[in-house]
Amino acid sequence: MHWFNTPAILPSSPLALPNVTFAGRWVSEAAGWRLTFDQRADHTQATDQVRGTSRSVFTHVGKLERIDGSGFTADEADHVLSGWQVALSFATGRWVAPVLPVGYRPDGALAWEQWAPWYCSRYHGHFGFWDTHRSEDLNELCSKFMTHWLDPSLHAAARHTARHAICASSDDAMLEAKVSLAQSGIEYLAWVQNVIEGTSSATSYKGLPAHAKLNDMLSVAQVPLIIPPELEGLARLAPSNMQTGPLATTWLRNKLVHPKDAAQPYKIESALWSCWLLSLEYLELLLLHRLDYRGHYLPKRPHIWAHQSIPVPWA
């Protein structure tokens, strides 16, 4: 199958073509399945050609198989491919996608092909948490995400939380919508973990303010509660009694819908943008904590280098 919009994954194993050898093969194994990605040799040139456009670009050839070599059905293939799509999209902050997957029998005869639309974003203009020079982190994420994806009791929470994060990362929506998406994902995950899976009653948990739910989840994950100094626009807009990340982000989200005056949420130019970045970072970290991921992540900060990743706080 072909995959679209996947970045170069490094380090990876060498691939050899006539007159060229390059680092291009990445292999991921999870829950009894193996996905092999072979990158196109001209990946950099191909992705540069779509910069500034809304086009997607073919970047890799993929192969899905069971680790033990046994067969599988078309429905199983579709379910597993969907899981890897969401995992890779969550890591990169944009929808990547398999295109026209086909299946073969042991004798090489064509057994199945799929002609169906898959979500696929444009290549550039997104904020992923994964450092593309740390393929070991992508392996860990995919392994743990797919374990949740293939477990019926964990599937829904992983699927819907990741989709909130992917869509909140896109630059195809207004900041107001992305703030709401990110915080809706946080509240969804809080409800799942504390009411559906936990010991809180629905009535008592509904009565808690949003900032208190977020504060508790971040504290469990050892995520700092201060507003990062790089996101000072959020601190400048938030009242003096709202000077923590959970308080300020939920306060500003509420003011987008119920402001004291129409201009209130926009009085500080960078405040809404800062709220989006911090809300999205919280959502990503909370899902990573649920997955027990222990690798690196890229904080959502202005002017951060592409590979300036740091360990997750609970690692």
Protein backbone atom coordinates (compact mmCIF):
# COMPACT_ATOMS: atom_id res chain seq x y z
CA MET A 1 0.00 0.00 0.00
CA HIS A 2 1.06 3.62 -0.40
CA TRP A 3 1.15 6.02 2.55
CA PHE A 4 0.71 9.76 2.23
CA ASN A 5 2.11 12.66 4.25
CA THR A 6 4.36 10.68 6.60
CA PRO A 7 7.60 12.46 7.51
CA ALA A 8 11.04 10.92 7.22
CA ILE A 9 11.55 8.63 10.22
CA LEU A 10 15.06 8.64 11.66
CA PRO A 11 17.09 6.71 12.51
CA SER A 12 15.93 3.90 10.27
CA SER A 13 17.44 0.95 8.42
CA PRO A 14 19.22 1.42 5.08
CA LEU A 15 17.52 0.91 1.72
CA ALA A 16 19.52 0.40 -1.45
CA LEU A 17 18.55 1.55 -4.94
CA PRO A 18 20.78 1.74 -8.03
CA ASN A 19 23.50 4.30 -7.27
CA VAL A 20 22.07 5.30 -3.87
CA THR A 21 21.75 3.95 -0.33
CA PHE A 22 19.73 5.87 2.24
CA ALA A 23 18.10 5.50 5.66
CA GLY A 24 14.56 4.64 4.69
CA ARG A 25 13.08 1.50 6.28
CA TRP A 26 11.15 1.72 9.55
CA VAL A 27 9.51 -1.32 11.15
CA SER A 28 6.89 -1.18 13.90
CA GLU A 29 5.60 -4.21 15.80
CA ALA A 30 2.57 -4.12 18.05
CA ALA A 31 0.07 -6.62 19.47
CA GLY A 32 1.11 -9.40 17.08
CA TRP A 33 1.24 -7.23 13.95
CA ARG A 34 4.12 -5.76 11.96
CA LEU A 35 4.01 -2.63 9.78
CA THR A 36 6.99 -1.95 7.49
CA PHE A 37 7.50 1.48 5.94
CA ASP A 38 9.87 2.08 3.03
CA GLN A 39 10.47 5.76 2.34
CA ARG A 40 10.80 7.12 -1.18
CA ALA A 41 14.38 8.11 -2.00
CA ASP A 42 13.43 11.68 -2.96
CA HIS A 43 11.28 12.30 0.13
CA THR A 44 12.76 15.76 0.81
CA GLN A 45 12.30 17.00 -2.74
CA ALA A 46 8.77 15.57 -2.96
CA THR A 47 7.59 17.19 0.27
CA ASP A 48 9.24 20.51 -0.63
CA GLN A 49 7.20 20.59 -3.84
CA VAL A 50 3.92 20.72 -1.91
CA ARG A 51 5.06 23.40 0.57
CA GLY A 52 2.57 26.25 0.62
CA THR A 53 -0.14 24.18 -1.08
CA SER A 54 -3.10 22.14 0.15
CA ARG A 55 -1.88 19.00 -1.62
CA SER A 56 -0.94 15.70 0.00
CA VAL A 57 2.13 13.78 -1.11
CA PHE A 58 3.00 10.09 -1.46
CA THR A 59 5.89 9.45 0.95
CA HIS A 60 6.14 5.73 1.79
CA VAL A 61 5.25 2.21 0.69
CA GLY A 62 3.87 0.09 3.52
CA LYS A 63 3.43 -3.62 4.22
CA LEU A 64 1.16 -5.07 6.93
CA GLU A 65 1.57 -8.63 8.17
CA ARG A 66 1.16 -10.77 11.25
CA ILE A 67 4.40 -11.35 13.12
CA ASP A 68 3.79 -15.11 13.15
CA GLY A 69 3.10 -15.19 9.40
CA SER A 70 -0.53 -16.30 9.73
CA GLY A 71 -3.32 -15.00 7.53
CA PHE A 72 -5.96 -12.44 8.35
CA THR A 73 -9.23 -11.12 6.97
CA ALA A 74 -9.90 -7.90 5.10
CA ASP A 75 -11.89 -6.61 8.08
CA GLU A 76 -8.97 -7.28 10.40
CA ALA A 77 -6.60 -5.50 8.03
CA ASP A 78 -8.90 -2.48 7.84
CA HIS A 79 -9.18 -2.27 11.64
CA VAL A 80 -5.44 -2.57 12.22
CA LEU A 81 -4.55 -0.09 9.45
CA SER A 82 -7.03 2.38 10.94
CA GLY A 83 -5.29 2.08 14.29
CA TRP A 84 -1.86 2.71 12.82
CA GLN A 85 -3.24 5.65 10.88
CA VAL A 86 -4.56 7.27 14.08
CA ALA A 87 -1.33 6.52 15.98
CA LEU A 88 0.89 8.04 13.27
CA SER A 89 -1.46 10.98 12.80
CA PHE A 90 -1.49 11.68 16.54
CA ALA A 91 2.32 11.61 16.57
CA THR A 92 2.69 13.99 13.61
CA GLY A 93 -0.24 16.29 14.40
CA ARG A 94 -1.85 15.79 10.99
CA TRP A 95 -3.81 13.08 9.23
CA VAL A 96 -1.51 10.67 7.41
CA ALA A 97 -3.16 7.90 5.44
CA PRO A 98 -2.79 4.60 3.60
CA VAL A 99 -4.07 4.75 0.05
CA LEU A 100 -5.52 1.86 -2.01
CA PRO A 101 -4.33 -1.00 0.23
CA VAL A 102 -4.36 -4.46 -1.36
CA GLY A 103 -4.07 -7.95 0.13
CA TYR A 104 -2.50 -11.07 -1.35
CA ARG A 105 -2.93 -14.80 -0.81
CA PRO A 106 0.11 -16.97 0.01
CA ASP A 107 0.41 -17.86 -3.68
CA GLY A 108 0.69 -14.20 -4.63
CA ALA A 109 -2.82 -13.89 -6.07
CA LEU A 110 -4.78 -10.73 -5.32
CA ALA A 111 -7.28 -11.40 -2.52
CA TRP A 112 -8.56 -7.96 -1.56
CA GLU A 113 -8.32 -4.31 -2.44
CA GLN A 114 -9.92 -1.27 -0.87
CA TRP A 115 -11.17 1.77 -2.75
CA ALA A 116 -12.21 4.08 0.06
CA PRO A 117 -11.53 7.64 1.27
CA TRP A 118 -9.23 8.10 4.26
CA TYR A 119 -8.72 11.29 6.24
CA CYS A 120 -5.58 13.00 4.94
CA SER A 121 -4.27 16.48 5.78
CA ARG A 122 -1.86 18.55 3.77
CA TYR A 123 1.79 17.86 4.56
CA HIS A 124 2.87 21.18 6.07
CA GLY A 125 1.41 23.41 8.77
CA HIS A 126 0.82 21.18 11.80
CA PHE A 127 2.18 20.74 15.32
CA GLY A 128 3.04 17.16 16.27
CA PHE A 129 4.47 16.14 19.64
CA TRP A 130 6.88 13.57 18.15
CA ASP A 131 10.51 14.39 17.32
CA THR A 132 11.05 12.82 13.88
CA HIS A 133 14.70 12.08 14.72
CA ARG A 134 13.62 9.70 17.48
CA SER A 135 12.17 6.66 15.73
CA GLU A 136 12.41 4.71 18.99
CA ASP A 137 9.76 7.01 20.45
CA LEU A 138 7.47 6.39 17.49
CA ASN A 139 7.93 2.65 17.94
CA GLU A 140 6.98 2.90 21.60
CA LEU A 141 3.96 5.08 20.88
CA CYS A 142 2.63 2.79 18.14
CA SER A 143 3.16 -0.33 20.25
CA LYS A 144 1.26 1.07 23.22
CA PHE A 145 -1.40 2.82 21.16
CA MET A 146 -2.14 -0.33 19.15
CA THR A 147 -2.43 -2.36 22.37
CA HIS A 148 -5.21 0.03 23.41
CA TRP A 149 -6.70 0.13 19.90
CA LEU A 150 -7.07 -3.66 19.72
CA ASP A 151 -8.47 -4.01 23.26
CA PRO A 152 -12.28 -3.58 23.10
CA SER A 153 -12.35 -2.12 26.61
CA LEU A 154 -9.73 0.55 25.78
CA HIS A 155 -10.36 1.17 22.07
CA ALA A 156 -12.97 3.95 22.24
CA ALA A 157 -11.05 6.21 24.63
CA ALA A 158 -7.81 5.91 22.61
CA ARG A 159 -9.61 6.51 19.31
CA HIS A 160 -11.68 9.52 20.30
CA THR A 161 -9.05 11.26 22.44
CA ALA A 162 -6.45 10.95 19.68
CA ARG A 163 -8.90 12.25 17.07
CA HIS A 164 -9.59 15.31 19.22
CA ALA A 165 -5.86 15.98 19.43
CA ILE A 166 -5.25 15.49 15.69
CA CYS A 167 -8.07 17.81 14.69
CA ALA A 168 -7.10 20.41 17.31
CA SER A 169 -3.58 20.46 15.85
CA SER A 170 -4.69 21.31 12.32
CA ASP A 171 -4.27 24.82 10.94
CA ASP A 172 -7.45 24.39 8.89
CA ALA A 173 -9.67 25.61 11.75
CA MET A 174 -10.01 28.89 13.64
CA LEU A 175 -8.22 29.20 17.00
CA GLU A 176 -11.56 29.34 18.82
CA ALA A 177 -12.55 25.97 17.36
CA LYS A 178 -9.17 24.39 18.15
CA VAL A 179 -9.30 25.55 21.78
CA SER A 180 -12.77 24.02 22.11
CA LEU A 181 -11.67 20.77 20.44
CA ALA A 182 -8.66 20.36 22.70
CA GLN A 183 -10.58 21.07 25.89
CA SER A 184 -13.50 18.88 24.80
CA GLY A 185 -10.99 16.05 24.37
CA ILE A 186 -9.64 16.67 27.88
CA GLU A 187 -13.12 16.64 29.44
CA TYR A 188 -14.04 13.49 27.50
CA LEU A 189 -10.93 11.69 28.77
CA ALA A 190 -11.53 12.95 32.32
CA TRP A 191 -15.07 11.56 32.24
CA VAL A 192 -13.92 8.18 30.90
CA GLN A 193 -11.16 7.77 33.48
CA ASN A 194 -13.01 9.09 36.52
CA VAL A 195 -16.63 8.09 35.95
CA ILE A 196 -16.77 5.21 33.44
CA GLU A 197 -13.56 3.52 34.59
CA GLY A 198 -13.15 5.16 38.01
CA THR A 199 -15.10 5.52 41.22
CA SER A 200 -16.64 8.99 40.84
CA SER A 201 -20.39 9.22 40.45
CA ALA A 202 -21.75 10.99 37.40
CA THR A 203 -23.63 13.50 39.57
CA SER A 204 -20.66 14.49 41.72
CA TYR A 205 -18.25 14.67 38.81
CA LYS A 206 -20.56 16.86 36.74
CA GLY A 207 -20.51 19.34 39.61
CA LEU A 208 -16.75 19.82 39.50
CA PRO A 209 -15.49 22.84 37.53
CA ALA A 210 -13.49 22.08 34.40
CA HIS A 211 -10.27 23.54 35.82
CA ALA A 212 -10.45 21.24 38.86
CA LYS A 213 -10.78 18.14 36.67
CA LEU A 214 -7.86 19.26 34.52
CA ASN A 215 -5.78 20.19 37.56
CA ASP A 216 -6.24 16.72 39.08
CA MET A 217 -5.35 14.86 35.87
CA LEU A 218 -2.25 16.97 35.25
CA SER A 219 -1.11 16.50 38.85
CA VAL A 220 -1.37 12.72 38.56
CA ALA A 221 0.72 12.89 35.37
CA GLN A 222 3.24 15.22 37.09
CA VAL A 223 2.68 17.90 34.45
CA PRO A 224 3.61 21.39 35.76
CA LEU A 225 0.61 23.60 36.44
CA ILE A 226 2.30 26.97 35.85
CA ILE A 227 1.65 28.96 32.70
CA PRO A 228 4.86 28.60 30.64
CA PRO A 229 6.64 31.97 30.41
CA GLU A 230 6.81 31.62 26.60
CA LEU A 231 2.99 31.79 26.56
CA GLU A 232 2.85 35.07 28.46
CA GLY A 233 -0.10 36.37 26.43
CA LEU A 234 -2.37 33.95 28.29
CA ALA A 235 -1.07 35.12 31.68
CA ARG A 236 -1.49 38.78 30.70
CA LEU A 237 -5.15 38.30 29.80
CA ALA A 238 -6.19 35.99 32.63
CA PRO A 239 -7.26 37.61 35.93
CA SER A 240 -4.86 37.57 38.85
CA ASN A 241 -6.76 34.71 40.51
CA MET A 242 -6.53 32.58 37.34
CA GLN A 243 -2.76 32.33 37.06
CA THR A 244 -2.29 28.59 36.58
CA GLY A 245 -2.49 26.69 33.32
CA PRO A 246 -5.74 24.82 34.14
CA LEU A 247 -7.43 27.96 35.48
CA ALA A 248 -6.35 30.26 32.66
CA THR A 249 -7.09 27.92 29.76
CA THR A 250 -10.56 26.95 30.97
CA TRP A 251 -11.35 30.56 31.91
CA LEU A 252 -10.48 31.80 28.42
CA ARG A 253 -12.41 28.98 26.77
CA ASN A 254 -15.49 30.05 28.74
CA LYS A 255 -14.95 33.71 27.82
CA LEU A 256 -14.99 32.78 24.13
CA VAL A 257 -18.67 31.88 24.60
CA HIS A 258 -19.67 34.19 27.48
CA PRO A 259 -17.44 37.32 27.44
CA LYS A 260 -18.17 40.41 29.53
CA ASP A 261 -17.82 42.40 26.33
CA ALA A 262 -17.37 41.24 22.75
CA ALA A 263 -13.67 42.12 22.66
CA GLN A 264 -12.69 40.56 26.01
CA PRO A 265 -11.10 37.30 24.72
CA TYR A 266 -9.09 39.26 22.12
CA LYS A 267 -7.65 42.15 24.13
CA ILE A 268 -4.20 40.51 24.23
CA GLU A 269 -3.24 39.51 20.71
CA SER A 270 -1.39 36.28 21.59
CA ALA A 271 -3.64 35.11 24.44
CA LEU A 272 -5.96 32.91 22.39
CA TRP A 273 -3.04 31.42 20.47
CA SER A 274 -1.26 30.66 23.77
CA CYS A 275 -4.41 29.07 25.17
CA TRP A 276 -4.62 26.80 22.13
CA LEU A 277 -1.00 25.66 22.40
CA LEU A 278 -1.25 24.93 26.12
CA SER A 279 -4.63 23.18 25.84
CA LEU A 280 -3.34 20.99 23.01
CA GLU A 281 -0.17 20.14 24.94
CA TYR A 282 -2.25 19.14 27.97
CA LEU A 283 -4.44 16.86 25.83
CA GLU A 284 -1.45 15.19 24.16
CA LEU A 285 0.33 14.62 27.48
CA LEU A 286 -2.77 13.20 29.15
CA LEU A 287 -3.27 10.68 26.36
CA LEU A 288 0.43 9.78 26.40
CA HIS A 289 0.20 9.28 30.16
CA ARG A 290 -2.82 7.00 29.74
CA LEU A 291 -0.83 4.94 27.23
CA ASP A 292 2.13 4.78 29.67
CA TYR A 293 4.37 6.26 27.00
CA ARG A 294 7.80 7.13 28.44
CA GLY A 295 9.69 8.67 25.55
CA HIS A 296 10.24 12.29 24.52
CA TYR A 297 7.79 14.94 23.32
CA LEU A 298 8.01 18.40 21.78
CA PRO A 299 6.47 21.08 24.04
CA LYS A 300 4.09 23.48 22.31
CA ARG A 301 6.20 26.62 22.53
CA PRO A 302 7.07 29.42 20.10
CA HIS A 303 10.54 29.32 18.59
CA ILE A 304 11.26 25.75 19.73
CA TRP A 305 13.60 23.79 17.44
CA ALA A 306 12.14 20.87 15.48
CA HIS A 307 14.13 18.31 17.47
CA GLN A 308 14.27 20.03 20.85
CA SER A 309 12.29 17.26 22.54
CA ILE A 310 12.32 16.49 26.27
CA PRO A 311 11.22 13.46 28.35
CA VAL A 312 7.58 13.31 29.37
CA PRO A 313 7.23 14.54 32.98
CA TRP A 314 6.38 11.13 34.47
CA ALA A 315 9.22 9.24 32.79
